[in-house]
Amino acid sequence: MDIFTSIASYLIIWWISLFLVLPIGVTTQQEDGNVVKGSVKSAPTNINFKKKMIMASIVAFVIWSVLLALVLFKIIKL
């Protein structure tokens, strides 16, 4: 796997991982009891986006490492 394919595959895996970890640990305004007037009750109160990005990076790195190992050991071809 060349460098361009490696970077592109990591970015795609990271983007998918971000959407996987976004709903983890989110509390809604209704759960907190602080519904802001004019907003939906299911709107998140604190999403901790920095933490989500770090979690997505870790998940993506693990998945990408497995993909890289499979390609390097010629189990799959890209």
Protein backbone atom coordinates (compact mmCIF):
# COMPACT_ATOMS: atom_id res chain seq x y z
CA MET A 1 0.00 0.00 0.00
CA ASP A 2 1.54 3.31 -1.04
CA ILE A 3 1.49 6.46 1.07
CA PHE A 4 -1.44 8.09 -0.73
CA THR A 5 -3.63 5.01 -0.33
CA SER A 6 -2.62 4.73 3.33
CA ILE A 7 -3.56 8.33 4.09
CA ALA A 8 -6.79 8.16 2.10
CA SER A 9 -7.88 4.92 3.78
CA TYR A 10 -7.09 6.33 7.24
CA LEU A 11 -9.13 9.48 6.57
CA ILE A 12 -12.10 7.49 5.32
CA ILE A 13 -11.93 5.15 8.31
CA TRP A 14 -11.56 8.15 10.66
CA TRP A 15 -14.64 9.84 9.20
CA ILE A 16 -16.74 6.69 9.62
CA SER A 17 -15.35 6.23 13.16
CA LEU A 18 -16.34 9.77 14.05
CA PHE A 19 -19.95 9.05 13.15
CA LEU A 20 -19.76 5.84 15.18
CA VAL A 21 -18.59 7.56 18.37
CA LEU A 22 -20.70 10.74 18.13
CA PRO A 23 -23.76 9.35 19.94
CA ILE A 24 -21.73 7.80 22.78
CA GLY A 25 -22.24 9.62 26.08
CA VAL A 26 -24.49 12.38 24.75
CA THR A 27 -27.14 13.67 27.13
CA THR A 28 -30.21 15.47 25.86
CA GLN A 29 -31.76 18.63 27.24
CA GLN A 30 -34.74 16.58 28.38
CA GLU A 31 -32.50 14.22 30.37
CA ASP A 32 -30.77 17.18 32.03
CA GLY A 33 -34.02 19.00 32.69
CA ASN A 34 -32.75 22.18 31.00
CA VAL A 35 -34.87 22.55 27.88
CA VAL A 36 -33.96 25.84 26.21
CA LYS A 37 -36.99 27.66 24.87
CA GLY A 38 -37.16 27.38 21.08
CA SER A 39 -35.08 24.21 20.86
CA VAL A 40 -35.98 20.56 20.58
CA LYS A 41 -36.05 18.47 23.77
CA SER A 42 -33.72 15.94 22.15
CA ALA A 43 -30.98 18.51 21.43
CA PRO A 44 -27.67 17.60 23.07
CA THR A 45 -26.44 19.62 26.03
CA ASN A 46 -22.74 18.82 26.06
CA ILE A 47 -21.24 16.85 23.17
CA ASN A 48 -17.55 16.99 24.19
CA PHE A 49 -16.42 17.19 20.57
CA LYS A 50 -12.70 17.18 21.37
CA LYS A 51 -13.09 13.93 23.29
CA LYS A 52 -15.12 12.48 20.40
CA MET A 53 -12.38 13.36 17.92
CA ILE A 54 -9.75 11.66 20.08
CA MET A 55 -11.94 8.57 20.45
CA ALA A 56 -12.53 8.49 16.69
CA SER A 57 -8.78 8.77 16.07
CA ILE A 58 -8.04 5.84 18.36
CA VAL A 59 -10.76 3.66 16.83
CA ALA A 60 -9.66 4.61 13.31
CA PHE A 61 -6.01 3.84 14.10
CA VAL A 62 -6.87 0.37 15.37
CA ILE A 63 -9.02 -0.43 12.32
CA TRP A 64 -6.45 1.07 9.95
CA SER A 65 -3.66 -0.95 11.58
CA VAL A 66 -5.60 -4.16 11.02
CA LEU A 67 -6.18 -3.15 7.39
CA LEU A 68 -2.49 -2.35 6.96
CA ALA A 69 -1.47 -5.69 8.44
CA LEU A 70 -3.85 -7.53 6.13
CA VAL A 71 -2.39 -5.74 3.11
CA LEU A 72 1.24 -6.17 4.17
CA PHE A 73 0.81 -9.89 4.80
CA LYS A 74 -0.91 -10.12 1.40
CA ILE A 75 -4.14 -11.49 2.81
CA ILE A 76 -6.06 -8.86 0.84
CA LYS A 77 -5.03 -6.75 -2.14
CA LEU A 78 -5.73 -3.06 -2.66
